[in-house]
Full PDB file with SEQRES, HELIX, SHEET, SSBOND, CRYST1, ORIGX, SCALE, CONECT and MASTER records, all heavy atoms in Angstrom:
SEQRES   1 A   33  GLY GLY HIS GLY VAL ALA LEU ALA THR TYR LEU GLY MET          
SEQRES   2 A   33  ARG VAL GLY GLU CYS LEU LEU GLY LYS GLN ALA ASP THR          
SEQRES   3 A   33  PRO PHE HIS ASP LEU ARG PHE                                  
HELIX    1 AA1 VAL A    5  LEU A   19  1                                  15    
CRYST1    1.000    1.000    1.000  90.00  90.00  90.00 P 1           1          
ORIGX1      1.000000  0.000000  0.000000        0.00000                         
ORIGX2      0.000000  1.000000  0.000000        0.00000                         
ORIGX3      0.000000  0.000000  1.000000        0.00000                         
SCALE1      1.000000  0.000000  0.000000        0.00000                         
SCALE2      0.000000  1.000000  0.000000        0.00000                         
SCALE3      0.000000  0.000000  1.000000        0.00000                         
ATOM      1  N   GLY A   1       0.792  -1.224   0.003  1.00  0.00           N  
ATOM      2  CA  GLY A   1       0.000  -0.003  -0.004  1.00  0.00           C  
ATOM      3  C   GLY A   1       0.816   1.274   0.004  1.00  0.00           C  
ATOM      4  O   GLY A   1       0.405   2.284   0.559  1.00  0.00           O  
ATOM      5  N   GLY A   2       2.026   1.252  -0.600  1.00  0.00           N  
ATOM      6  CA  GLY A   2       2.863   2.428  -0.575  1.00  0.00           C  
ATOM      7  C   GLY A   2       3.686   2.564   0.677  1.00  0.00           C  
ATOM      8  O   GLY A   2       4.296   3.591   0.939  1.00  0.00           O  
ATOM      9  N   HIS A   3       3.798   1.484   1.457  1.00  0.00           N  
ATOM     10  CA  HIS A   3       4.491   1.500   2.748  1.00  0.00           C  
ATOM     11  C   HIS A   3       5.524   0.378   2.765  1.00  0.00           C  
ATOM     12  O   HIS A   3       5.751  -0.239   3.804  1.00  0.00           O  
ATOM     13  CB  HIS A   3       3.437   1.280   3.845  1.00  0.00           C  
ATOM     14  CG  HIS A   3       3.762   1.862   5.182  1.00  0.00           C  
ATOM     15  ND1 HIS A   3       4.803   1.406   5.983  1.00  0.00           N  
ATOM     16  CD2 HIS A   3       3.187   2.886   5.861  1.00  0.00           C  
ATOM     17  CE1 HIS A   3       4.809   2.094   7.115  1.00  0.00           C  
ATOM     18  NE2 HIS A   3       3.847   2.994   7.061  1.00  0.00           N  
ATOM     19  N   GLY A   4       6.162   0.151   1.601  1.00  0.00           N  
ATOM     20  CA  GLY A   4       6.849  -1.120   1.452  1.00  0.00           C  
ATOM     21  C   GLY A   4       8.340  -1.161   1.349  1.00  0.00           C  
ATOM     22  O   GLY A   4       8.868  -2.240   1.080  1.00  0.00           O  
ATOM     23  N   VAL A   5       9.079  -0.076   1.554  1.00  0.00           N  
ATOM     24  CA  VAL A   5      10.526  -0.163   1.394  1.00  0.00           C  
ATOM     25  C   VAL A   5      11.097  -1.228   2.330  1.00  0.00           C  
ATOM     26  O   VAL A   5      11.813  -2.148   1.900  1.00  0.00           O  
ATOM     27  CB  VAL A   5      11.190   1.197   1.607  1.00  0.00           C  
ATOM     28  CG1 VAL A   5      12.725   1.057   1.436  1.00  0.00           C  
ATOM     29  CG2 VAL A   5      10.671   2.244   0.641  1.00  0.00           C  
ATOM     30  N   ALA A   6      10.803  -1.110   3.603  1.00  0.00           N  
ATOM     31  CA  ALA A   6      11.310  -2.097   4.554  1.00  0.00           C  
ATOM     32  C   ALA A   6      10.509  -3.375   4.513  1.00  0.00           C  
ATOM     33  O   ALA A   6      11.077  -4.476   4.554  1.00  0.00           O  
ATOM     34  CB  ALA A   6      11.279  -1.509   5.967  1.00  0.00           C  
ATOM     35  N   LEU A   7       9.185  -3.273   4.437  1.00  0.00           N  
ATOM     36  CA  LEU A   7       8.363  -4.482   4.465  1.00  0.00           C  
ATOM     37  C   LEU A   7       8.601  -5.382   3.266  1.00  0.00           C  
ATOM     38  O   LEU A   7       8.607  -6.601   3.377  1.00  0.00           O  
ATOM     39  CB  LEU A   7       6.878  -4.089   4.579  1.00  0.00           C  
ATOM     40  CG  LEU A   7       6.437  -3.609   5.941  1.00  0.00           C  
ATOM     41  CD1 LEU A   7       5.131  -2.834   5.844  1.00  0.00           C  
ATOM     42  CD2 LEU A   7       6.290  -4.783   6.913  1.00  0.00           C  
ATOM     43  N   ALA A   8       8.808  -4.796   2.104  1.00  0.00           N  
ATOM     44  CA  ALA A   8       9.086  -5.603   0.906  1.00  0.00           C  
ATOM     45  C   ALA A   8      10.415  -6.327   1.037  1.00  0.00           C  
ATOM     46  O   ALA A   8      10.547  -7.498   0.675  1.00  0.00           O  
ATOM     47  CB  ALA A   8       9.085  -4.728  -0.346  1.00  0.00           C  
ATOM     48  N   THR A   9      11.416  -5.621   1.577  1.00  0.00           N  
ATOM     49  CA  THR A   9      12.706  -6.255   1.811  1.00  0.00           C  
ATOM     50  C   THR A   9      12.563  -7.415   2.786  1.00  0.00           C  
ATOM     51  O   THR A   9      13.054  -8.545   2.548  1.00  0.00           O  
ATOM     52  CB  THR A   9      13.698  -5.211   2.378  1.00  0.00           C  
ATOM     53  OG1 THR A   9      13.835  -4.134   1.446  1.00  0.00           O  
ATOM     54  CG2 THR A   9      15.049  -5.850   2.647  1.00  0.00           C  
ATOM     55  N   TYR A  10      11.900  -7.146   3.880  1.00  0.00           N  
ATOM     56  CA  TYR A  10      11.747  -8.148   4.941  1.00  0.00           C  
ATOM     57  C   TYR A  10      10.942  -9.345   4.485  1.00  0.00           C  
ATOM     58  O   TYR A  10      11.364 -10.507   4.647  1.00  0.00           O  
ATOM     59  CB  TYR A  10      11.051  -7.439   6.106  1.00  0.00           C  
ATOM     60  CG  TYR A  10      10.582  -8.293   7.281  1.00  0.00           C  
ATOM     61  CD1 TYR A  10      11.478  -8.961   8.072  1.00  0.00           C  
ATOM     62  CD2 TYR A  10       9.222  -8.330   7.602  1.00  0.00           C  
ATOM     63  CE1 TYR A  10      11.052  -9.690   9.173  1.00  0.00           C  
ATOM     64  CE2 TYR A  10       8.788  -9.044   8.699  1.00  0.00           C  
ATOM     65  CZ  TYR A  10       9.707  -9.724   9.490  1.00  0.00           C  
ATOM     66  OH  TYR A  10       9.275 -10.435  10.554  1.00  0.00           O  
ATOM     67  N   LEU A  11       9.775  -9.122   3.878  1.00  0.00           N  
ATOM     68  CA  LEU A  11       8.941 -10.242   3.484  1.00  0.00           C  
ATOM     69  C   LEU A  11       9.539 -10.998   2.304  1.00  0.00           C  
ATOM     70  O   LEU A  11       9.357 -12.203   2.182  1.00  0.00           O  
ATOM     71  CB  LEU A  11       7.515  -9.757   3.165  1.00  0.00           C  
ATOM     72  CG  LEU A  11       6.719  -9.334   4.402  1.00  0.00           C  
ATOM     73  CD1 LEU A  11       5.326  -8.892   3.999  1.00  0.00           C  
ATOM     74  CD2 LEU A  11       6.637 -10.476   5.428  1.00  0.00           C  
ATOM     75  N   GLY A  12      10.236 -10.284   1.412  1.00  0.00           N  
ATOM     76  CA  GLY A  12      10.967 -10.986   0.360  1.00  0.00           C  
ATOM     77  C   GLY A  12      11.975 -11.964   0.936  1.00  0.00           C  
ATOM     78  O   GLY A  12      12.064 -13.125   0.505  1.00  0.00           O  
ATOM     79  N   MET A  13      12.721 -11.504   1.937  1.00  0.00           N  
ATOM     80  CA  MET A  13      13.694 -12.375   2.589  1.00  0.00           C  
ATOM     81  C   MET A  13      13.014 -13.556   3.255  1.00  0.00           C  
ATOM     82  O   MET A  13      13.450 -14.727   3.111  1.00  0.00           O  
ATOM     83  CB  MET A  13      14.481 -11.580   3.642  1.00  0.00           C  
ATOM     84  CG  MET A  13      15.399 -10.508   3.053  1.00  0.00           C  
ATOM     85  SD  MET A  13      16.034  -9.379   4.341  1.00  0.00           S  
ATOM     86  CE  MET A  13      17.017 -10.512   5.335  1.00  0.00           C  
ATOM     87  N   ARG A  14      11.914 -13.312   3.965  1.00  0.00           N  
ATOM     88  CA  ARG A  14      11.241 -14.383   4.705  1.00  0.00           C  
ATOM     89  C   ARG A  14      10.592 -15.378   3.750  1.00  0.00           C  
ATOM     90  O   ARG A  14      10.572 -16.597   4.021  1.00  0.00           O  
ATOM     91  CB  ARG A  14      10.221 -13.808   5.656  1.00  0.00           C  
ATOM     92  CG  ARG A  14      10.842 -12.942   6.762  1.00  0.00           C  
ATOM     93  CD  ARG A  14      11.772 -13.751   7.654  1.00  0.00           C  
ATOM     94  NE  ARG A  14      12.489 -12.898   8.595  1.00  0.00           N  
ATOM     95  CZ  ARG A  14      13.759 -12.510   8.448  1.00  0.00           C  
ATOM     96  NH1 ARG A  14      14.446 -12.896   7.361  1.00  0.00           N  
ATOM     97  NH2 ARG A  14      14.327 -11.735   9.325  1.00  0.00           N  
ATOM     98  N   VAL A  15      10.037 -14.900   2.652  1.00  0.00           N  
ATOM     99  CA  VAL A  15       9.448 -15.816   1.671  1.00  0.00           C  
ATOM    100  C   VAL A  15      10.548 -16.714   1.080  1.00  0.00           C  
ATOM    101  O   VAL A  15      10.355 -17.902   0.873  1.00  0.00           O  
ATOM    102  CB  VAL A  15       8.726 -15.033   0.548  1.00  0.00           C  
ATOM    103  CG1 VAL A  15       8.442 -15.893  -0.649  1.00  0.00           C  
ATOM    104  CG2 VAL A  15       7.399 -14.459   1.089  1.00  0.00           C  
ATOM    105  N   GLY A  16      11.704 -16.108   0.803  1.00  0.00           N  
ATOM    106  CA  GLY A  16      12.800 -16.917   0.301  1.00  0.00           C  
ATOM    107  C   GLY A  16      13.214 -17.991   1.299  1.00  0.00           C  
ATOM    108  O   GLY A  16      13.485 -19.122   0.923  1.00  0.00           O  
ATOM    109  N   GLU A  17      13.256 -17.619   2.576  1.00  0.00           N  
ATOM    110  CA  GLU A  17      13.589 -18.612   3.607  1.00  0.00           C  
ATOM    111  C   GLU A  17      12.535 -19.701   3.722  1.00  0.00           C  
ATOM    112  O   GLU A  17      12.865 -20.878   3.945  1.00  0.00           O  
ATOM    113  CB  GLU A  17      13.767 -17.888   4.937  1.00  0.00           C  
ATOM    114  CG  GLU A  17      15.016 -16.998   4.985  1.00  0.00           C  
ATOM    115  CD  GLU A  17      15.086 -16.112   6.196  1.00  0.00           C  
ATOM    116  OE1 GLU A  17      14.099 -16.091   6.975  1.00  0.00           O  
ATOM    117  OE2 GLU A  17      16.087 -15.417   6.379  1.00  0.00           O  
ATOM    118  N   CYS A  18      11.273 -19.323   3.552  1.00  0.00           N  
ATOM    119  CA  CYS A  18      10.203 -20.337   3.598  1.00  0.00           C  
ATOM    120  C   CYS A  18      10.388 -21.342   2.464  1.00  0.00           C  
ATOM    121  O   CYS A  18      10.201 -22.547   2.646  1.00  0.00           O  
ATOM    122  CB  CYS A  18       8.829 -19.666   3.469  1.00  0.00           C  
ATOM    123  SG  CYS A  18       8.314 -18.787   4.945  1.00  0.00           S  
ATOM    124  N   LEU A  19      10.736 -20.843   1.293  1.00  0.00           N  
ATOM    125  CA  LEU A  19      10.942 -21.725   0.152  1.00  0.00           C  
ATOM    126  C   LEU A  19      12.098 -22.701   0.440  1.00  0.00           C  
ATOM    127  O   LEU A  19      12.066 -23.855  -0.031  1.00  0.00           O  
ATOM    128  CB  LEU A  19      11.249 -20.882  -1.090  1.00  0.00           C  
ATOM    129  CG  LEU A  19      11.305 -21.617  -2.425  1.00  0.00           C  
ATOM    130  CD1 LEU A  19      10.798 -20.699  -3.537  1.00  0.00           C  
ATOM    131  CD2 LEU A  19      12.750 -22.008  -2.736  1.00  0.00           C  
ATOM    132  N   LEU A  20      13.048 -22.278   1.244  1.00  0.00           N  
ATOM    133  CA  LEU A  20      14.183 -23.124   1.585  1.00  0.00           C  
ATOM    134  C   LEU A  20      13.846 -24.090   2.740  1.00  0.00           C  
ATOM    135  O   LEU A  20      14.704 -24.821   3.174  1.00  0.00           O  
ATOM    136  CB  LEU A  20      15.385 -22.263   1.979  1.00  0.00           C  
ATOM    137  CG  LEU A  20      15.945 -21.387   0.844  1.00  0.00           C  
ATOM    138  CD1 LEU A  20      17.026 -20.483   1.402  1.00  0.00           C  
ATOM    139  CD2 LEU A  20      16.502 -22.254  -0.284  1.00  0.00           C  
ATOM    140  N   GLY A  21      12.597 -24.005   3.230  1.00  0.00           N  
ATOM    141  CA  GLY A  21      12.180 -24.948   4.256  1.00  0.00           C  
ATOM    142  C   GLY A  21      12.127 -24.423   5.671  1.00  0.00           C  
ATOM    143  O   GLY A  21      11.784 -25.149   6.594  1.00  0.00           O  
ATOM    144  N   LYS A  22      12.428 -23.145   5.837  1.00  0.00           N  
ATOM    145  CA  LYS A  22      12.384 -22.562   7.183  1.00  0.00           C  
ATOM    146  C   LYS A  22      10.934 -22.196   7.516  1.00  0.00           C  
ATOM    147  O   LYS A  22      10.108 -22.005   6.651  1.00  0.00           O  
ATOM    148  CB  LYS A  22      13.277 -21.334   7.258  1.00  0.00           C  
ATOM    149  CG  LYS A  22      14.750 -21.654   7.100  1.00  0.00           C  
ATOM    150  CD  LYS A  22      15.617 -20.424   7.328  1.00  0.00           C  
ATOM    151  CE  LYS A  22      17.091 -20.759   7.164  1.00  0.00           C  
ATOM    152  NZ  LYS A  22      17.954 -19.577   7.366  1.00  0.00           N  
ATOM    153  N   GLN A  23      10.659 -22.076   8.793  1.00  0.00           N  
ATOM    154  CA  GLN A  23       9.300 -21.773   9.258  1.00  0.00           C  
ATOM    155  C   GLN A  23       8.944 -20.325   8.951  1.00  0.00           C  
ATOM    156  O   GLN A  23       9.780 -19.412   9.073  1.00  0.00           O  
ATOM    157  CB  GLN A  23       9.193 -22.014  10.764  1.00  0.00           C  
ATOM    158  CG  GLN A  23       7.779 -21.806  11.319  1.00  0.00           C  
ATOM    159  CD  GLN A  23       7.728 -22.109  12.815  1.00  0.00           C  
ATOM    160  OE1 GLN A  23       8.730 -22.480  13.403  1.00  0.00           O  
ATOM    161  NE2 GLN A  23       6.580 -21.952  13.399  1.00  0.00           N  
ATOM    162  N   ALA A  24       7.709 -20.105   8.547  1.00  0.00           N  
ATOM    163  CA  ALA A  24       7.198 -18.735   8.320  1.00  0.00           C  
ATOM    164  C   ALA A  24       7.004 -18.086   9.681  1.00  0.00           C  
ATOM    165  O   ALA A  24       6.101 -18.433  10.417  1.00  0.00           O  
ATOM    166  CB  ALA A  24       5.886 -18.791   7.541  1.00  0.00           C  
ATOM    167  N   ASP A  25       7.882 -17.124  10.003  1.00  0.00           N  
ATOM    168  CA  ASP A  25       7.882 -16.605  11.374  1.00  0.00           C  
ATOM    169  C   ASP A  25       7.491 -15.124  11.425  1.00  0.00           C  
ATOM    170  O   ASP A  25       7.865 -14.406  12.318  1.00  0.00           O  
ATOM    171  CB  ASP A  25       9.259 -16.780  11.995  1.00  0.00           C  
ATOM    172  CG  ASP A  25      10.358 -16.034  11.233  1.00  0.00           C  
ATOM    173  OD1 ASP A  25      10.091 -15.546  10.135  1.00  0.00           O  
ATOM    174  OD2 ASP A  25      11.473 -15.940  11.762  1.00  0.00           O  
ATOM    175  N   THR A  26       6.697 -14.669  10.446  1.00  0.00           N  
ATOM    176  CA  THR A  26       6.215 -13.285  10.494  1.00  0.00           C  
ATOM    177  C   THR A  26       4.727 -13.266  10.775  1.00  0.00           C  
ATOM    178  O   THR A  26       4.023 -14.207  10.430  1.00  0.00           O  
ATOM    179  CB  THR A  26       6.495 -12.526   9.180  1.00  0.00           C  
ATOM    180  OG1 THR A  26       5.444 -12.812   8.233  1.00  0.00           O  
ATOM    181  CG2 THR A  26       7.824 -12.911   8.575  1.00  0.00           C  
ATOM    182  N   PRO A  27       4.215 -12.213  11.370  1.00  0.00           N  
ATOM    183  CA  PRO A  27       2.780 -12.123  11.617  1.00  0.00           C  
ATOM    184  C   PRO A  27       1.962 -11.910  10.349  1.00  0.00           C  
ATOM    185  O   PRO A  27       0.731 -11.953  10.408  1.00  0.00           O  
ATOM    186  CB  PRO A  27       2.667 -10.916  12.548  1.00  0.00           C  
ATOM    187  CG  PRO A  27       3.851 -10.073  12.250  1.00  0.00           C  
ATOM    188  CD  PRO A  27       4.948 -11.049  11.918  1.00  0.00           C  
ATOM    189  N   PHE A  28       2.630 -11.698   9.238  1.00  0.00           N  
ATOM    190  CA  PHE A  28       1.917 -11.445   7.968  1.00  0.00           C  
ATOM    191  C   PHE A  28       1.643 -12.715   7.206  1.00  0.00           C  
ATOM    192  O   PHE A  28       0.938 -12.708   6.186  1.00  0.00           O  
ATOM    193  CB  PHE A  28       2.736 -10.485   7.095  1.00  0.00           C  
ATOM    194  CG  PHE A  28       3.113  -9.220   7.803  1.00  0.00           C  
ATOM    195  CD1 PHE A  28       4.359  -9.054   8.360  1.00  0.00           C  
ATOM    196  CD2 PHE A  28       2.191  -8.175   7.905  1.00  0.00           C  
ATOM    197  CE1 PHE A  28       4.708  -7.858   9.011  1.00  0.00           C  
ATOM    198  CE2 PHE A  28       2.517  -6.987   8.568  1.00  0.00           C  
ATOM    199  CZ  PHE A  28       3.782  -6.847   9.116  1.00  0.00           C  
ATOM    200  N   HIS A  29       2.189 -13.849   7.668  1.00  0.00           N  
ATOM    201  CA  HIS A  29       2.059 -15.094   6.897  1.00  0.00           C  
ATOM    202  C   HIS A  29       0.747 -15.839   7.137  1.00  0.00           C  
ATOM    203  O   HIS A  29       0.289 -16.535   6.226  1.00  0.00           O  
ATOM    204  CB  HIS A  29       3.230 -16.029   7.224  1.00  0.00           C  
ATOM    205  CG  HIS A  29       4.399 -15.847   6.330  1.00  0.00           C  
ATOM    206  ND1 HIS A  29       5.332 -14.859   6.485  1.00  0.00           N  
ATOM    207  CD2 HIS A  29       4.792 -16.554   5.228  1.00  0.00           C  
ATOM    208  CE1 HIS A  29       6.262 -14.942   5.535  1.00  0.00           C  
ATOM    209  NE2 HIS A  29       5.944 -15.977   4.782  1.00  0.00           N  
ATOM    210  N   ASP A  30       0.172 -15.734   8.274  1.00  0.00           N  
ATOM    211  CA  ASP A  30      -1.042 -16.544   8.536  1.00  0.00           C  
ATOM    212  C   ASP A  30      -2.277 -15.699   8.673  1.00  0.00           C  
ATOM    213  O   ASP A  30      -3.274 -16.105   9.248  1.00  0.00           O  
ATOM    214  CB  ASP A  30      -0.817 -17.426   9.763  1.00  0.00           C  
ATOM    215  CG  ASP A  30      -0.479 -16.621  11.004  1.00  0.00           C  
ATOM    216  OD1 ASP A  30      -0.233 -15.399  10.876  1.00  0.00           O  
ATOM    217  OD2 ASP A  30      -0.468 -17.201  12.104  1.00  0.00           O  
ATOM    218  N   LEU A  31      -2.259 -14.463   8.131  1.00  0.00           N  
ATOM    219  CA  LEU A  31      -3.457 -13.644   8.134  1.00  0.00           C  
ATOM    220  C   LEU A  31      -4.449 -14.152   7.097  1.00  0.00           C  
ATOM    221  O   LEU A  31      -4.074 -14.561   5.999  1.00  0.00           O  
ATOM    222  CB  LEU A  31      -3.092 -12.198   7.778  1.00  0.00           C  
ATOM    223  CG  LEU A  31      -2.370 -11.341   8.828  1.00  0.00           C  
ATOM    224  CD1 LEU A  31      -2.072  -9.979   8.226  1.00  0.00           C  
ATOM    225  CD2 LEU A  31      -3.214 -11.194  10.071  1.00  0.00           C  
ATOM    226  N   ARG A  32      -5.721 -14.100   7.437  1.00  0.00           N  
ATOM    227  CA  ARG A  32      -6.735 -14.454   6.485  1.00  0.00           C  
ATOM    228  C   ARG A  32      -6.678 -13.480   5.297  1.00  0.00           C  
ATOM    229  O   ARG A  32      -6.594 -12.274   5.494  1.00  0.00           O  
ATOM    230  CB  ARG A  32      -8.113 -14.390   7.133  1.00  0.00           C  
ATOM    231  CG  ARG A  32      -9.223 -14.820   6.204  1.00  0.00           C  
ATOM    232  CD  ARG A  32     -10.527 -14.990   6.976  1.00  0.00           C  
ATOM    233  NE  ARG A  32     -11.643 -15.281   6.098  1.00  0.00           N  
ATOM    234  CZ  ARG A  32     -12.825 -15.709   6.491  1.00  0.00           C  
ATOM    235  NH1 ARG A  32     -13.036 -15.890   7.788  1.00  0.00           N  
ATOM    236  NH2 ARG A  32     -13.773 -15.929   5.615  1.00  0.00           N  
ATOM    237  N   PHE A  33      -6.707 -14.008   4.076  1.00  0.00           N  
ATOM    238  CA  PHE A  33      -6.489 -13.191   2.872  1.00  0.00           C  
ATOM    239  C   PHE A  33      -7.492 -13.609   1.808  1.00  0.00           C  
ATOM    240  O   PHE A  33      -7.169 -14.271   0.839  1.00  0.00           O  
ATOM    241  CB  PHE A  33      -5.056 -13.381   2.395  1.00  0.00           C  
ATOM    242  CG  PHE A  33      -4.600 -12.368   1.387  1.00  0.00           C  
ATOM    243  CD1 PHE A  33      -5.178 -11.108   1.263  1.00  0.00           C  
ATOM    244  CD2 PHE A  33      -3.528 -12.667   0.556  1.00  0.00           C  
ATOM    245  CE1 PHE A  33      -4.721 -10.181   0.345  1.00  0.00           C  
ATOM    246  CE2 PHE A  33      -3.045 -11.753  -0.376  1.00  0.00           C  
ATOM    247  CZ  PHE A  33      -3.648 -10.501  -0.478  1.00  0.00           C  
TER     248      PHE A  33                                                      
MASTER        0    0    0    1    0    0    0    6  247    1    0    3          
END                                                                             
């Protein structure tokens, strides 16, 4: 929503880690969407 410089960096990193088999450890991963 235009608030993404840090959040995009952070969630991009965490999504990459999830793909490598690590646990999704952010509060944004299990929100109803």
